[in-house]
N, C-alpha and C. Protein backbone atom coordinates (compact mmCIF):
# COMPACT_ATOMS: atom_id res chain seq x y z
N MET A 1 -67.92 49.99 72.89
CA MET A 1 -66.63 49.94 72.29
C MET A 1 -65.27 49.80 72.63
N THR A 2 -64.67 48.77 72.52
CA THR A 2 -63.43 48.32 73.32
C THR A 2 -62.02 48.92 72.19
N ARG A 3 -60.89 49.43 73.29
CA ARG A 3 -59.79 49.84 72.98
C ARG A 3 -58.65 49.24 72.70
N ARG A 4 -58.55 49.09 71.62
CA ARG A 4 -56.95 48.24 71.40
C ARG A 4 -55.73 48.54 72.17
N SER A 5 -55.19 47.64 72.72
CA SER A 5 -54.14 48.05 73.40
C SER A 5 -52.65 48.13 72.25
N THR A 6 -51.80 48.83 72.82
CA THR A 6 -50.70 48.75 71.96
C THR A 6 -49.81 47.60 72.44
N PRO A 7 -49.33 46.81 70.90
CA PRO A 7 -48.88 45.83 71.28
C PRO A 7 -47.05 45.92 71.70
N TRP A 8 -46.80 44.81 72.38
CA TRP A 8 -45.38 45.17 72.95
C TRP A 8 -44.30 44.87 72.13
N CYS A 9 -44.50 44.44 71.16
CA CYS A 9 -43.44 43.76 69.91
C CYS A 9 -43.40 44.64 68.92
N ASN A 10 -42.43 44.85 67.92
CA ASN A 10 -42.40 45.91 66.76
C ASN A 10 -42.67 45.21 65.49
N GLY A 11 -43.02 44.03 65.87
CA GLY A 11 -43.57 42.98 64.60
C GLY A 11 -42.27 42.30 63.70
N TYR A 12 -41.01 42.51 64.17
CA TYR A 12 -39.75 41.85 63.68
C TYR A 12 -39.35 40.87 64.79
N VAL A 13 -39.16 39.83 63.86
CA VAL A 13 -38.88 38.43 64.69
C VAL A 13 -37.37 38.24 64.16
N PRO A 14 -36.61 37.52 64.96
CA PRO A 14 -35.15 37.13 64.80
C PRO A 14 -35.02 36.25 63.53
N CYS A 15 -34.22 36.31 62.46
CA CYS A 15 -34.04 35.58 61.01
C CYS A 15 -32.85 35.07 61.29
N ARG A 16 -32.86 33.49 61.22
CA ARG A 16 -31.83 32.69 61.17
C ARG A 16 -31.25 31.98 59.84
N ILE A 17 -30.04 32.34 59.09
CA ILE A 17 -29.58 31.90 57.74
C ILE A 17 -28.35 31.21 58.07
N GLU A 18 -28.29 29.94 57.34
CA GLU A 18 -27.00 29.76 57.24
C GLU A 18 -26.41 29.31 55.85
N TRP A 19 -25.30 29.40 55.93
CA TRP A 19 -24.32 29.95 54.61
C TRP A 19 -23.56 28.59 54.66
N ARG A 20 -23.37 28.14 53.49
CA ARG A 20 -22.55 26.68 53.33
C ARG A 20 -21.51 27.23 51.59
N PRO A 21 -20.65 26.55 51.48
CA PRO A 21 -20.06 26.78 50.32
C PRO A 21 -21.24 26.48 48.85
N SER A 22 -21.11 27.14 47.77
CA SER A 22 -22.09 26.83 46.52
C SER A 22 -21.28 25.49 46.06
N ARG A 23 -22.09 24.66 45.71
CA ARG A 23 -21.56 23.37 44.47
C ARG A 23 -21.34 24.26 43.10
N TRP A 24 -22.10 25.11 42.77
CA TRP A 24 -22.20 25.69 41.71
C TRP A 24 -20.91 26.85 41.30
N LEU A 25 -20.37 27.45 42.48
CA LEU A 25 -19.03 28.16 42.53
C LEU A 25 -17.86 27.23 42.39
N LEU A 26 -17.69 26.41 43.38
CA LEU A 26 -16.81 25.23 43.33
C LEU A 26 -16.79 24.67 41.86
N ALA A 27 -17.75 24.10 41.33
CA ALA A 27 -17.34 23.51 40.18
C ALA A 27 -17.19 24.90 38.83
N ALA A 28 -17.40 25.94 38.88
CA ALA A 28 -17.25 27.19 38.16
C ALA A 28 -15.43 27.43 38.61
N LEU A 29 -15.28 27.67 39.88
CA LEU A 29 -13.71 27.50 40.19
C LEU A 29 -12.75 26.41 39.58
N PHE A 30 -13.44 25.30 39.80
CA PHE A 30 -12.44 23.93 39.19
C PHE A 30 -12.35 24.32 37.63
N PHE A 31 -13.39 24.28 36.90
CA PHE A 31 -13.27 24.61 35.17
C PHE A 31 -12.36 25.94 35.17
N LEU A 32 -12.61 26.84 35.16
CA LEU A 32 -11.52 27.65 35.41
C LEU A 32 -10.03 27.51 35.86
N ALA A 33 -9.95 26.47 36.62
CA ALA A 33 -8.23 26.34 36.90
C ALA A 33 -8.30 25.20 36.31
N ILE A 34 -8.88 24.39 35.43
CA ILE A 34 -8.23 23.71 34.23
C ILE A 34 -8.37 24.36 32.76
N ALA A 35 -9.18 25.19 32.90
CA ALA A 35 -8.94 26.12 31.58
C ALA A 35 -8.29 27.32 31.25
N ALA A 36 -7.83 27.55 32.45
CA ALA A 36 -6.96 29.04 32.46
C ALA A 36 -5.37 28.43 31.86
N PRO A 37 -5.10 27.51 32.22
CA PRO A 37 -3.46 27.04 31.26
C PRO A 37 -3.69 26.69 29.96
N PHE A 38 -4.65 26.01 29.68
CA PHE A 38 -4.71 26.27 28.07
C PHE A 38 -5.21 27.43 27.19
N ALA A 39 -6.09 28.07 28.06
CA ALA A 39 -6.25 29.61 27.29
C ALA A 39 -4.72 30.37 27.19
N THR A 40 -4.08 30.16 28.15
CA THR A 40 -2.83 30.94 28.45
C THR A 40 -1.79 30.25 27.13
N LEU A 41 -1.96 28.62 27.25
CA LEU A 41 -0.78 28.18 25.90
C LEU A 41 -1.27 28.33 24.45
N ALA A 42 -2.73 28.61 24.54
CA ALA A 42 -3.39 29.26 23.01
C ALA A 42 -2.99 30.60 22.79
N SER A 43 -2.62 31.49 23.77
CA SER A 43 -2.83 32.73 23.41
C SER A 43 -1.17 33.00 22.65
N GLY A 44 -1.05 34.07 22.27
CA GLY A 44 0.21 34.46 21.35
C GLY A 44 1.17 34.68 22.03
N LEU A 45 1.41 34.53 23.57
CA LEU A 45 2.79 34.60 24.17
C LEU A 45 3.92 33.63 23.70
N PRO A 46 4.87 34.04 24.14
CA PRO A 46 6.21 33.26 23.46
C PRO A 46 6.10 31.87 24.51
N ARG A 47 6.46 30.97 24.08
CA ARG A 47 6.43 29.60 24.71
C ARG A 47 7.35 29.81 26.18
N ALA A 48 8.43 30.30 26.23
CA ALA A 48 9.11 30.70 27.24
C ALA A 48 8.20 31.11 28.55
N VAL A 49 7.22 31.87 28.15
CA VAL A 49 6.38 32.77 29.10
C VAL A 49 5.05 32.06 29.36
N ALA A 50 4.71 31.49 28.44
CA ALA A 50 3.06 30.85 28.39
C ALA A 50 3.35 29.68 29.12
N TRP A 51 4.50 28.56 29.38
CA TRP A 51 4.06 27.62 29.92
C TRP A 51 4.42 27.96 31.60
N PRO A 52 5.28 28.74 31.94
CA PRO A 52 5.12 29.16 33.68
C PRO A 52 3.94 29.74 33.96
N LEU A 53 3.74 30.87 32.99
CA LEU A 53 2.13 31.54 33.48
C LEU A 53 0.95 30.19 33.26
N ALA A 54 0.98 29.47 32.63
CA ALA A 54 -0.18 28.40 32.45
C ALA A 54 -0.02 27.64 33.96
N ALA A 55 1.35 27.42 34.11
CA ALA A 55 1.24 26.42 35.70
C ALA A 55 0.90 27.55 36.79
N ALA A 56 1.25 28.74 36.81
CA ALA A 56 1.02 29.53 37.78
C ALA A 56 -0.60 29.57 37.85
N ALA A 57 -1.23 29.83 36.57
CA ALA A 57 -2.84 30.01 36.51
C ALA A 57 -3.21 28.84 37.52
N ALA A 58 -3.01 27.64 36.85
CA ALA A 58 -3.53 26.12 37.36
C ALA A 58 -3.01 26.32 38.49
N ALA A 59 -1.97 26.42 39.21
CA ALA A 59 -1.88 26.67 40.78
C ALA A 59 -2.76 27.39 41.70
N HIS A 60 -2.86 28.69 40.88
CA HIS A 60 -3.57 29.44 41.62
C HIS A 60 -5.19 29.02 41.68
N GLY A 61 -5.70 28.77 40.33
CA GLY A 61 -6.93 28.01 40.44
C GLY A 61 -7.26 27.09 41.62
N LEU A 62 -6.43 26.06 41.56
CA LEU A 62 -6.75 25.10 42.12
C LEU A 62 -6.69 25.34 43.81
N VAL A 63 -5.75 26.35 43.80
CA VAL A 63 -5.62 26.83 45.52
C VAL A 63 -6.78 27.65 45.63
N ALA A 64 -7.46 28.17 45.11
CA ALA A 64 -8.89 29.14 44.85
C ALA A 64 -10.04 27.95 45.30
N PHE A 65 -9.90 26.93 44.54
CA PHE A 65 -10.92 25.95 44.89
C PHE A 65 -10.73 25.26 45.76
N VAL A 66 -9.64 24.78 46.43
CA VAL A 66 -9.82 24.09 47.60
C VAL A 66 -9.60 25.31 48.87
N ARG A 67 -9.40 26.34 48.87
CA ARG A 67 -9.64 27.13 49.87
C ARG A 67 -11.12 27.34 50.05
N GLU A 68 -12.10 27.54 49.07
CA GLU A 68 -13.29 28.01 48.73
C GLU A 68 -14.22 26.35 49.81
N ARG A 69 -13.68 25.35 49.15
CA ARG A 69 -14.13 24.17 49.31
C ARG A 69 -14.04 23.86 50.98
N ARG A 70 -12.79 24.02 51.45
CA ARG A 70 -12.50 24.08 53.01
C ARG A 70 -13.28 24.84 54.08
N ARG A 71 -14.15 26.18 53.42
CA ARG A 71 -14.90 26.97 54.02
C ARG A 71 -15.99 26.23 54.76
N GLY A 72 -16.15 26.22 56.10
CA GLY A 72 -17.02 25.77 57.20
C GLY A 72 -18.55 26.30 56.85
N PRO A 73 -19.45 25.93 57.21
CA PRO A 73 -21.02 26.82 57.32
C PRO A 73 -20.70 27.39 58.40
N ARG A 74 -21.67 28.86 58.26
CA ARG A 74 -21.67 29.82 59.24
C ARG A 74 -22.99 29.94 59.10
N ARG A 75 -23.34 30.38 60.47
CA ARG A 75 -24.81 30.48 61.08
C ARG A 75 -25.04 32.04 61.07
N LEU A 76 -26.07 32.62 60.65
CA LEU A 76 -26.07 34.21 60.85
C LEU A 76 -27.39 34.05 61.45
N LEU A 77 -27.59 34.93 62.42
CA LEU A 77 -28.66 35.63 63.13
C LEU A 77 -28.87 36.99 63.19
N PHE A 78 -30.16 37.29 62.14
CA PHE A 78 -30.46 38.81 62.14
C PHE A 78 -31.45 38.97 63.35
N THR A 79 -30.96 40.05 64.42
CA THR A 79 -31.62 39.93 65.78
C THR A 79 -33.17 41.08 65.44
N ALA A 80 -33.99 41.07 66.02
CA ALA A 80 -35.13 41.75 65.80
C ALA A 80 -34.62 43.24 66.31
N GLU A 81 -33.51 43.38 66.70
CA GLU A 81 -33.28 44.88 67.05
C GLU A 81 -32.04 45.69 65.59
N GLY A 82 -32.10 44.86 64.88
CA GLY A 82 -31.45 45.28 63.67
C GLY A 82 -30.13 44.94 63.83
N ARG A 83 -29.41 43.78 64.47
CA ARG A 83 -28.09 43.28 64.38
C ARG A 83 -27.95 42.22 63.86
N LEU A 84 -26.96 41.88 63.22
CA LEU A 84 -26.21 40.44 62.89
C LEU A 84 -25.29 39.96 63.77
N MET A 85 -25.73 38.77 63.72
CA MET A 85 -24.43 37.81 64.71
C MET A 85 -24.13 36.84 63.74
N VAL A 86 -23.00 36.73 63.77
CA VAL A 86 -22.24 35.70 62.82
C VAL A 86 -21.61 34.42 63.68
N ASP A 87 -21.83 33.12 63.65
CA ASP A 87 -21.71 32.16 64.83
C ASP A 87 -21.27 32.72 65.91
N GLY A 88 -22.03 33.62 66.42
CA GLY A 88 -22.30 33.92 67.85
C GLY A 88 -21.56 35.15 68.16
N THR A 89 -20.83 36.02 67.09
CA THR A 89 -20.08 37.07 67.68
C THR A 89 -20.69 38.33 66.58
N GLU A 90 -20.98 39.44 67.17
CA GLU A 90 -21.83 40.45 66.74
C GLU A 90 -20.82 41.08 65.58
N ALA A 91 -21.60 41.25 64.12
CA ALA A 91 -20.70 41.73 62.85
C ALA A 91 -21.01 43.24 63.15
N MET A 92 -20.17 44.29 62.49
CA MET A 92 -20.24 45.65 62.37
C MET A 92 -19.87 46.05 61.00
N HIS A 93 -20.50 47.07 60.63
CA HIS A 93 -20.22 47.77 59.43
C HIS A 93 -20.61 46.82 58.33
N VAL A 94 -21.85 46.27 58.43
CA VAL A 94 -22.84 45.19 57.84
C VAL A 94 -23.39 45.78 56.45
N GLN A 95 -22.99 45.00 55.17
CA GLN A 95 -23.37 45.53 53.89
C GLN A 95 -23.82 44.20 53.31
N VAL A 96 -25.07 44.39 52.35
CA VAL A 96 -25.95 43.50 51.47
C VAL A 96 -26.23 44.08 50.26
N HIS A 97 -25.30 43.13 49.52
CA HIS A 97 -25.53 43.78 48.15
C HIS A 97 -26.21 42.64 47.21
N TRP A 98 -26.75 42.79 46.16
CA TRP A 98 -27.80 41.85 45.27
C TRP A 98 -27.13 42.16 43.98
N ARG A 99 -27.16 41.15 43.31
CA ARG A 99 -26.70 40.99 41.96
C ARG A 99 -27.40 40.00 41.26
N GLY A 100 -28.69 40.24 40.77
CA GLY A 100 -29.46 39.08 40.46
C GLY A 100 -29.91 38.09 41.56
N PRO A 101 -29.89 36.94 41.31
CA PRO A 101 -30.38 36.14 42.07
C PRO A 101 -28.80 35.69 43.56
N LEU A 102 -27.74 36.49 43.07
CA LEU A 102 -26.86 36.06 44.07
C LEU A 102 -26.57 37.39 45.12
N ALA A 103 -26.32 36.83 46.54
CA ALA A 103 -26.35 37.72 47.40
C ALA A 103 -25.15 37.86 47.99
N PHE A 104 -24.37 39.14 48.28
CA PHE A 104 -23.08 39.03 48.92
C PHE A 104 -23.39 39.98 50.18
N LEU A 105 -22.65 39.54 51.20
CA LEU A 105 -22.81 40.03 52.80
C LEU A 105 -21.28 40.29 52.82
N SER A 106 -21.14 41.42 53.43
CA SER A 106 -19.60 41.73 53.90
C SER A 106 -19.74 42.53 55.27
N TRP A 107 -18.92 42.48 56.10
CA TRP A 107 -19.17 42.96 57.68
C TRP A 107 -17.51 42.88 58.30
N ARG A 108 -17.25 43.65 59.21
CA ARG A 108 -16.06 43.82 59.76
C ARG A 108 -16.52 42.63 61.24
N ASP A 109 -15.35 41.82 61.56
CA ASP A 109 -15.35 41.14 62.51
C ASP A 109 -15.01 42.14 63.79
N ALA A 110 -14.81 41.32 65.15
CA ALA A 110 -14.26 42.00 66.16
C ALA A 110 -12.97 42.34 66.03
N THR A 111 -11.95 42.16 65.29
CA THR A 111 -10.54 42.44 65.16
C THR A 111 -10.67 43.52 64.21
N GLY A 112 -11.60 43.66 63.38
CA GLY A 112 -11.63 44.79 62.53
C GLY A 112 -11.15 44.44 60.93
N ARG A 113 -11.12 42.76 61.21
CA ARG A 113 -10.95 42.38 59.47
C ARG A 113 -12.33 42.20 59.09
N ARG A 114 -12.43 42.61 57.70
CA ARG A 114 -13.46 42.21 56.45
C ARG A 114 -13.26 40.60 56.07
N GLN A 115 -15.02 40.39 56.57
CA GLN A 115 -15.20 39.03 56.11
C GLN A 115 -16.47 39.14 54.92
N ARG A 116 -16.42 38.27 54.10
CA ARG A 116 -17.47 38.39 53.25
C ARG A 116 -18.16 36.87 52.85
N LEU A 117 -19.34 36.88 52.74
CA LEU A 117 -19.96 35.63 52.35
C LEU A 117 -20.62 35.60 50.39
N ALA A 118 -20.89 34.84 49.62
CA ALA A 118 -21.77 34.98 48.89
C ALA A 118 -22.43 33.86 48.58
N TRP A 119 -24.04 33.97 48.57
CA TRP A 119 -25.01 33.09 48.32
C TRP A 119 -25.28 32.82 47.01
N TRP A 120 -25.15 31.83 46.40
CA TRP A 120 -25.61 31.40 44.76
C TRP A 120 -27.12 30.61 44.98
N PRO A 121 -28.01 30.88 43.67
CA PRO A 121 -28.97 30.13 44.04
C PRO A 121 -29.25 28.91 44.73
N ASP A 122 -28.13 27.82 44.19
CA ASP A 122 -27.89 26.69 44.79
C ASP A 122 -28.13 26.36 46.34
N THR A 123 -27.52 27.68 46.99
CA THR A 123 -27.35 27.43 48.47
C THR A 123 -28.66 28.65 49.40
N LEU A 124 -29.04 29.36 48.43
CA LEU A 124 -30.12 30.38 49.10
C LEU A 124 -31.31 30.30 48.34
N PRO A 125 -32.31 29.48 48.73
CA PRO A 125 -34.00 29.05 47.95
C PRO A 125 -34.64 30.60 47.96
N SER A 126 -35.71 30.62 47.27
CA SER A 126 -36.51 31.84 47.36
C SER A 126 -36.96 32.44 48.61
N GLU A 127 -37.28 31.51 49.41
CA GLU A 127 -37.71 31.94 50.37
C GLU A 127 -37.03 32.13 51.44
N ARG A 128 -35.87 31.83 51.30
CA ARG A 128 -34.54 32.40 52.36
C ARG A 128 -33.97 33.48 51.90
N ARG A 129 -34.09 33.97 50.37
CA ARG A 129 -33.62 34.90 49.67
C ARG A 129 -34.61 36.11 50.07
N ARG A 130 -35.85 35.79 50.31
CA ARG A 130 -36.90 36.95 50.68
C ARG A 130 -36.49 37.57 51.84
N GLU A 131 -36.28 36.39 53.20
CA GLU A 131 -36.16 36.53 54.49
C GLU A 131 -34.69 37.43 54.63
N LEU A 132 -33.73 37.10 53.75
CA LEU A 132 -32.63 37.74 54.02
C LEU A 132 -32.88 39.39 53.38
N ARG A 133 -33.51 39.34 52.26
CA ARG A 133 -33.66 40.75 51.94
C ARG A 133 -34.21 41.53 52.88
N LEU A 134 -35.61 40.93 53.56
CA LEU A 134 -36.00 41.74 54.76
C LEU A 134 -35.06 41.96 55.89
N ALA A 135 -34.45 41.09 56.20
CA ALA A 135 -33.53 41.07 57.33
C ALA A 135 -32.52 42.29 57.17
N ALA A 136 -31.95 42.57 55.62
CA ALA A 136 -31.16 43.12 55.40
C ALA A 136 -31.80 44.98 55.24
N GLY A 137 -33.09 44.75 55.55
CA GLY A 137 -33.82 46.53 55.10
C GLY A 137 -33.81 46.55 56.64
N ARG A 138 -33.70 46.11 57.48
CA ARG A 138 -33.83 46.11 58.93
C ARG A 138 -32.48 46.74 59.43
N LEU A 139 -31.40 46.02 59.03
CA LEU A 139 -29.95 46.36 59.21
C LEU A 139 -29.90 47.95 58.59
N SER A 140 -30.25 48.38 57.80
CA SER A 140 -29.71 49.44 57.06
C SER A 140 -30.51 50.45 57.98
N ALA A 141 -31.71 50.23 58.58
CA ALA A 141 -32.85 50.72 59.29
C ALA A 141 -32.47 50.94 60.80
N ALA A 142 -31.45 50.01 61.14
CA ALA A 142 -30.87 50.09 62.80
C ALA A 142 -30.30 51.23 63.17
N PRO A 143 -30.69 51.84 64.59
CA PRO A 143 -30.32 53.04 64.98
C PRO A 143 -28.93 52.78 65.13
N GLY A 144 -27.89 53.65 65.58
CA GLY A 144 -26.50 53.55 65.81
C GLY A 144 -25.66 53.98 64.58
N ALA A 145 -26.00 53.95 63.47
CA ALA A 145 -24.98 54.54 62.26
C ALA A 145 -24.87 56.13 62.34
N PRO A 146 -24.10 56.40 62.22
CA PRO A 146 -23.64 58.06 62.33
C PRO A 146 -24.50 58.81 61.12
N SER A 147 -25.24 59.80 61.72
CA SER A 147 -25.85 60.66 60.74
C SER A 147 -25.08 61.76 59.99
N VAL A 148 -25.64 62.09 58.91
CA VAL A 148 -24.80 62.67 57.74
C VAL A 148 -24.83 64.22 58.29
N ALA A 149 -26.16 64.74 58.64
CA ALA A 149 -26.30 65.72 59.00
C ALA A 149 -25.17 66.09 60.41
N PRO A 150 -24.90 67.48 60.30
CA PRO A 150 -24.23 67.95 61.71
C PRO A 150 -25.26 68.07 62.90
């Protein structure tokens, strides 16, 4: 009878996921930037208020569209130790939330600023979605989080 040796690894491997802006989100933002002024003008507001508000809604919608479109791709690495590296820098206070097929990741960078990414179905296929779920489970189980008990 042979005795099995204890494996040296814990079974976790690093997970690499790339984020890029969603075409679906860009299309929705563009549609809202176009539709918002019409909705404002069709409302019961007086024309003196509706026209400036419609212009502001269109401008805000187009700024949101351009800002999202200019965001560059991000490279995420979920390490085997349960840490997250975003573009080579460690992320702190990482949270992953799911809303159906949408995944939302938020973290604090080295300067303490909150950063956020959202994956839509066109940017995160089902295989990658599963990998993200598994990697996010390791993040919550990672040591270093303060204990609730004293």
